[in-house]
Amino acid sequence: MPTLLALPFPTFLDPVAVQVGPLVVRWYALAYIAGILVGWWYAKRLVADARLWEPKGVPLTPADIDDLVVYATLGIILGGRIGYVLFYDPLRFLAEPLQIFAVWTGGMSFHGGFLGTVLAMVLFARARKIPIWSLIDVVAPSVTFGLFFGRLANFVNGELFGRPSDMPWAFVFPAGGPVPRHPSQLYEAALEGLVLFLVLRFFTHRLGALARPGLVSGVFAVGYGCARIFVEFFREPDIQLGYFLPDTVPFGLTMGMLLSLPLVAAGAYLIWRALRPVPQAE
């Protein structure tokens, strides 16, 4: 495969953003913080705009979003880490259990963080007596900011790179050997972050989707699941997992694909449920 068209990995990108003595601040951590803060701001904007909820009215307040942030942050971090441990590298963490707590070294699963956040929202909604699907509908578009910043941080770290490629925008990643590879982290940042945000914004601001509980959540689940499955065709699978069914499926299945398929199915059900005619008695 020719390497003349490959782009060298930018040497000025350092995973460490700031270091003062023993204190090290990484871009990966800053990406999580930025995603939570910007998502918090955007969720409050959705709740504060009563026009988006007509004719039913807004079922929660900006103050509810303020209080939710703590629950959601714990769900993201704990769920993301536990998901990575269980889904992607259980044998290594079984042999080195203390490494489970070394979150600063990387290793977070979106699907685990997704489940952790959903559980946090369910508990919060029950405690506040808030309609659960309306709460998730507000949080779902806000998640796209974290996805965008997180994938950019993956690129800065030179991790989760793509499969070998001869495209002119392929990069030679430091950990990927001399072979040029797809910058799959940037594909995910564009699709899961920017494109999905624009789609959800169209649904919330133009189609009045917030008035149909569960619709925005369903669109998010289908959109993310499809985007992730698409990018998995270009992303190098985790070395400890490889491909599933490589002899029966031409392209091979990856863990990301397998975890995203139930998400797409659940999202399709939510969309159907939100759009189905409501009986007059209800």
Protein backbone atom coordinates (compact mmCIF):
# COMPACT_ATOMS: atom_id res chain seq x y z
CA MET A 1 0.00 0.00 0.00
CA PRO A 2 1.48 3.38 -0.95
CA THR A 3 2.40 5.67 1.91
CA LEU A 4 3.36 8.82 -0.05
CA LEU A 5 -0.17 10.23 0.24
CA ALA A 6 -0.46 9.53 3.95
CA LEU A 7 -0.51 12.41 6.39
CA PRO A 8 1.98 12.25 9.27
CA PHE A 9 0.39 12.41 12.68
CA PRO A 10 0.65 16.02 13.93
CA THR A 11 3.62 16.11 16.29
CA PHE A 12 2.32 19.20 18.07
CA LEU A 13 -0.65 17.24 19.46
CA ASP A 14 0.20 16.23 23.01
CA PRO A 15 -2.28 14.19 25.10
CA VAL A 16 -1.22 16.31 28.09
CA ALA A 17 -2.82 19.74 28.02
CA VAL A 18 -1.17 21.19 31.14
CA GLN A 19 1.46 19.84 33.49
CA VAL A 20 2.59 21.63 36.64
CA GLY A 21 4.97 19.43 38.59
CA PRO A 22 3.18 16.17 39.43
CA LEU A 23 -0.19 17.62 38.37
CA VAL A 24 -1.12 16.46 34.87
CA VAL A 25 -4.25 17.58 33.03
CA ARG A 26 -5.02 15.63 29.87
CA TRP A 27 -7.13 16.65 26.90
CA TYR A 28 -9.17 13.49 27.42
CA ALA A 29 -10.30 14.72 30.83
CA LEU A 30 -10.95 18.22 29.51
CA ALA A 31 -13.09 16.74 26.73
CA TYR A 32 -15.36 15.10 29.31
CA ILE A 33 -15.60 18.33 31.30
CA ALA A 34 -16.33 20.40 28.18
CA GLY A 35 -18.96 17.93 27.00
CA ILE A 36 -20.76 17.97 30.35
CA LEU A 37 -20.66 21.78 30.68
CA VAL A 38 -21.81 22.53 27.12
CA GLY A 39 -24.44 19.78 27.31
CA TRP A 40 -25.69 21.23 30.60
CA TRP A 41 -26.01 24.66 29.00
CA TYR A 42 -27.86 23.31 25.96
CA ALA A 43 -30.28 21.20 28.03
CA LYS A 44 -31.23 24.29 30.04
CA ARG A 45 -31.91 26.17 26.81
CA LEU A 46 -34.27 23.42 25.65
CA VAL A 47 -36.15 23.49 28.95
CA ALA A 48 -36.32 27.30 29.03
CA ASP A 49 -37.93 27.58 25.56
CA ALA A 50 -41.63 26.86 26.15
CA ARG A 51 -42.39 27.09 22.42
CA LEU A 52 -40.58 23.80 21.82
CA TRP A 53 -43.01 21.97 24.11
CA GLU A 54 -46.33 23.28 22.81
CA PRO A 55 -49.11 22.41 23.28
CA LYS A 56 -48.40 20.26 26.35
CA GLY A 57 -46.07 22.59 28.25
CA VAL A 58 -42.66 22.05 29.81
CA PRO A 59 -42.69 19.19 32.36
CA LEU A 60 -39.42 20.18 34.09
CA THR A 61 -37.44 23.29 35.01
CA PRO A 62 -33.89 24.57 34.43
CA ALA A 63 -33.28 23.96 38.14
CA ASP A 64 -34.02 20.27 37.56
CA ILE A 65 -31.27 20.22 34.92
CA ASP A 66 -28.86 21.83 37.39
CA ASP A 67 -29.50 19.07 39.91
CA LEU A 68 -29.38 16.35 37.26
CA VAL A 69 -25.78 17.18 36.31
CA VAL A 70 -24.32 15.40 39.36
CA TYR A 71 -26.38 12.25 38.69
CA ALA A 72 -25.53 12.26 34.98
CA THR A 73 -21.81 12.83 35.58
CA LEU A 74 -21.63 9.84 37.90
CA GLY A 75 -23.57 7.75 35.39
CA ILE A 76 -21.22 8.72 32.56
CA ILE A 77 -18.01 8.02 34.46
CA LEU A 78 -19.05 4.89 36.35
CA GLY A 79 -21.08 3.42 33.51
CA GLY A 80 -18.43 4.23 30.90
CA ARG A 81 -15.66 2.61 32.92
CA ILE A 82 -17.64 -0.45 33.99
CA GLY A 83 -18.84 -0.90 30.41
CA TYR A 84 -15.27 -0.83 29.10
CA VAL A 85 -14.12 -3.33 31.72
CA LEU A 86 -16.96 -5.77 30.98
CA PHE A 87 -17.31 -5.35 27.21
CA TYR A 88 -13.80 -4.76 25.95
CA ASP A 89 -11.08 -6.14 28.23
CA PRO A 90 -12.47 -8.24 31.12
CA LEU A 91 -9.53 -10.66 31.25
CA ARG A 92 -6.92 -7.93 31.71
CA PHE A 93 -8.87 -6.26 34.49
CA LEU A 94 -9.53 -9.60 36.13
CA ALA A 95 -5.77 -10.12 36.27
CA GLU A 96 -5.11 -6.50 37.34
CA PRO A 97 -8.24 -5.37 39.25
CA LEU A 98 -6.61 -2.18 40.57
CA GLN A 99 -6.34 -0.93 36.97
CA ILE A 100 -10.12 -0.59 36.95
CA PHE A 101 -9.73 2.62 38.94
CA ALA A 102 -7.00 4.07 36.69
CA VAL A 103 -9.49 6.02 34.56
CA TRP A 104 -6.83 8.63 33.70
CA THR A 105 -5.12 6.06 31.46
CA GLY A 106 -8.17 5.95 29.17
CA GLY A 107 -10.65 3.19 28.48
CA MET A 108 -14.29 4.30 28.48
CA SER A 109 -17.23 2.71 26.70
CA PHE A 110 -19.98 4.88 25.21
CA HIS A 111 -22.52 2.08 25.55
CA GLY A 112 -21.61 1.64 29.22
CA GLY A 113 -21.79 5.39 29.81
CA PHE A 114 -25.12 5.46 27.99
CA LEU A 115 -26.60 2.79 30.25
CA GLY A 116 -25.16 4.47 33.34
CA THR A 117 -26.65 7.82 32.37
CA VAL A 118 -30.05 6.29 31.60
CA LEU A 119 -30.09 4.61 35.02
CA ALA A 120 -29.14 7.91 36.68
CA MET A 121 -31.94 9.71 34.83
CA VAL A 122 -34.51 7.07 35.76
CA LEU A 123 -33.62 7.38 39.45
CA PHE A 124 -33.63 11.18 39.25
CA ALA A 125 -36.95 11.32 37.38
CA ARG A 126 -38.64 9.05 39.91
CA ALA A 127 -37.32 11.11 42.81
CA ARG A 128 -38.56 14.36 41.22
CA LYS A 129 -41.71 12.88 39.67
CA ILE A 130 -40.62 14.04 36.22
CA PRO A 131 -41.77 12.17 33.07
CA ILE A 132 -38.79 9.99 32.30
CA TRP A 133 -39.00 10.19 28.50
CA SER A 134 -39.26 13.97 28.56
CA LEU A 135 -36.12 14.11 30.69
CA ILE A 136 -34.22 11.77 28.36
CA ASP A 137 -35.44 13.78 25.36
CA VAL A 138 -33.74 16.84 26.83
CA VAL A 139 -30.49 15.06 27.66
CA ALA A 140 -30.16 13.15 24.36
CA PRO A 141 -29.23 16.15 22.14
CA SER A 142 -26.87 17.38 24.85
CA VAL A 143 -24.90 14.13 24.71
CA THR A 144 -23.69 14.94 21.18
CA PHE A 145 -21.33 17.60 22.55
CA GLY A 146 -19.56 15.05 24.72
CA LEU A 147 -19.32 12.65 21.79
CA PHE A 148 -17.77 15.35 19.62
CA PHE A 149 -15.17 16.47 22.15
CA GLY A 150 -14.46 12.90 23.24
CA ARG A 151 -13.68 11.69 19.72
CA LEU A 152 -11.41 14.66 19.14
CA ALA A 153 -9.56 13.72 22.33
CA ASN A 154 -9.23 10.14 21.03
CA PHE A 155 -7.55 11.57 17.93
CA VAL A 156 -5.19 13.67 20.03
CA ASN A 157 -4.30 10.55 22.01
CA GLY A 158 -3.64 8.66 18.78
CA GLU A 159 -5.98 5.87 19.92
CA LEU A 160 -8.99 4.10 18.42
CA PHE A 161 -7.56 4.68 14.95
CA GLY A 162 -8.95 3.17 11.79
CA ARG A 163 -8.13 0.30 9.49
CA PRO A 164 -5.38 0.56 6.83
CA SER A 165 -6.29 2.97 4.04
CA ASP A 166 -4.87 4.43 0.85
CA MET A 167 -7.06 7.54 1.02
CA PRO A 168 -5.16 10.87 0.77
CA TRP A 169 -6.44 11.91 4.21
CA ALA A 170 -5.16 8.76 5.94
CA PHE A 171 -2.78 9.26 8.88
CA VAL A 172 0.21 7.29 10.08
CA PHE A 173 -0.57 6.97 13.78
CA PRO A 174 2.35 6.49 16.20
CA ALA A 175 0.75 3.36 17.70
CA GLY A 176 -0.53 2.04 14.39
CA GLY A 177 2.75 1.14 12.75
CA PRO A 178 4.00 2.53 9.43
CA VAL A 179 0.72 1.82 7.63
CA PRO A 180 -1.57 4.81 6.86
CA ARG A 181 -4.97 4.45 8.49
CA HIS A 182 -8.43 5.98 8.45
CA PRO A 183 -8.83 8.76 11.05
CA SER A 184 -11.94 7.01 12.33
CA GLN A 185 -12.00 9.21 15.44
CA LEU A 186 -12.69 12.22 13.20
CA TYR A 187 -15.37 10.30 11.31
CA GLU A 188 -17.10 9.61 14.63
CA ALA A 189 -16.71 13.20 15.81
CA ALA A 190 -18.41 14.39 12.62
CA LEU A 191 -21.22 11.82 12.51
CA GLU A 192 -21.95 11.14 16.19
CA GLY A 193 -21.30 14.72 17.25
CA LEU A 194 -21.98 17.33 14.58
CA VAL A 195 -24.37 15.55 12.20
CA LEU A 196 -26.41 13.89 14.95
CA PHE A 197 -26.71 17.21 16.79
CA LEU A 198 -28.06 18.92 13.65
CA VAL A 199 -30.56 16.11 13.07
CA LEU A 200 -31.83 16.29 16.66
CA ARG A 201 -31.98 20.08 16.53
CA PHE A 202 -34.16 19.84 13.41
CA PHE A 203 -36.51 17.47 15.24
CA THR A 204 -36.71 19.61 18.38
CA HIS A 205 -36.87 23.07 16.76
CA ARG A 206 -38.70 22.38 13.49
CA LEU A 207 -40.85 19.28 14.03
CA GLY A 208 -41.97 19.83 17.62
CA ALA A 209 -40.60 16.45 18.69
CA LEU A 210 -40.37 17.38 22.38
CA ALA A 211 -44.17 17.34 22.54
CA ARG A 212 -44.05 13.60 21.79
CA PRO A 213 -42.18 11.96 24.70
CA GLY A 214 -39.59 9.45 23.56
CA LEU A 215 -39.32 10.66 19.96
CA VAL A 216 -36.07 12.59 20.40
CA SER A 217 -34.63 9.72 22.45
CA GLY A 218 -35.51 7.27 19.70
CA VAL A 219 -33.99 9.40 16.97
CA PHE A 220 -30.82 9.74 19.04
CA ALA A 221 -30.55 5.98 19.60
CA VAL A 222 -31.12 5.14 15.92
CA GLY A 223 -28.83 7.95 14.75
CA TYR A 224 -25.97 7.07 17.06
CA GLY A 225 -26.32 3.33 16.46
CA CYS A 226 -26.29 3.69 12.67
CA ALA A 227 -23.38 6.16 12.74
CA ARG A 228 -21.35 3.89 15.00
CA ILE A 229 -22.03 0.79 12.89
CA PHE A 230 -21.02 2.69 9.75
CA VAL A 231 -17.76 3.93 11.25
CA GLU A 232 -16.94 0.43 12.54
CA PHE A 233 -16.33 -0.56 8.90
CA PHE A 234 -13.36 1.85 8.96
CA ARG A 235 -12.25 1.54 12.58
CA GLU A 236 -9.63 -0.97 13.69
CA PRO A 237 -11.25 -3.34 16.22
CA ASP A 238 -9.75 -3.63 19.68
CA ILE A 239 -6.74 -5.92 19.45
CA GLN A 240 -7.85 -8.09 22.38
CA LEU A 241 -11.25 -8.71 20.74
CA GLY A 242 -10.72 -8.67 16.99
CA TYR A 243 -13.62 -9.66 14.76
CA PHE A 244 -16.61 -11.84 15.56
CA LEU A 245 -17.73 -14.43 12.97
CA PRO A 246 -14.89 -13.54 10.54
CA ASP A 247 -15.41 -16.74 8.54
CA THR A 248 -19.15 -16.30 7.98
CA VAL A 249 -19.48 -12.51 7.63
CA PRO A 250 -17.35 -10.97 4.84
CA PHE A 251 -16.50 -7.79 6.73
CA GLY A 252 -16.44 -9.28 10.24
CA LEU A 253 -18.52 -8.07 13.15
CA THR A 254 -17.00 -5.91 15.88
CA MET A 255 -18.00 -5.32 19.48
CA GLY A 256 -19.09 -1.78 18.56
CA MET A 257 -21.49 -3.18 15.96
CA LEU A 258 -22.92 -5.80 18.30
CA LEU A 259 -23.53 -3.26 21.07
CA SER A 260 -25.11 -0.77 18.65
CA LEU A 261 -27.64 -3.14 17.08
CA PRO A 262 -29.87 -3.32 20.22
CA LEU A 263 -29.62 0.46 20.47
CA VAL A 264 -30.99 0.86 16.94
CA ALA A 265 -33.80 -1.60 17.65
CA ALA A 266 -34.74 0.16 20.90
CA GLY A 267 -34.65 3.54 19.15
CA ALA A 268 -36.90 2.32 16.34
CA TYR A 269 -39.40 1.08 18.93
CA LEU A 270 -39.35 4.43 20.74
CA ILE A 271 -40.00 6.30 17.48
CA TRP A 272 -42.91 4.01 16.67
CA ARG A 273 -44.25 4.37 20.20
CA ALA A 274 -44.04 8.18 20.11
CA LEU A 275 -45.68 8.50 16.70
CA ARG A 276 -48.45 5.93 17.08
CA PRO A 277 -52.01 7.29 17.33
CA VAL A 278 -53.05 7.81 20.93
CA PRO A 279 -56.46 6.31 21.84
CA GLN A 280 -59.02 8.91 22.83
CA ALA A 281 -59.28 7.45 26.32
CA GLU A 282 -55.61 8.17 26.94
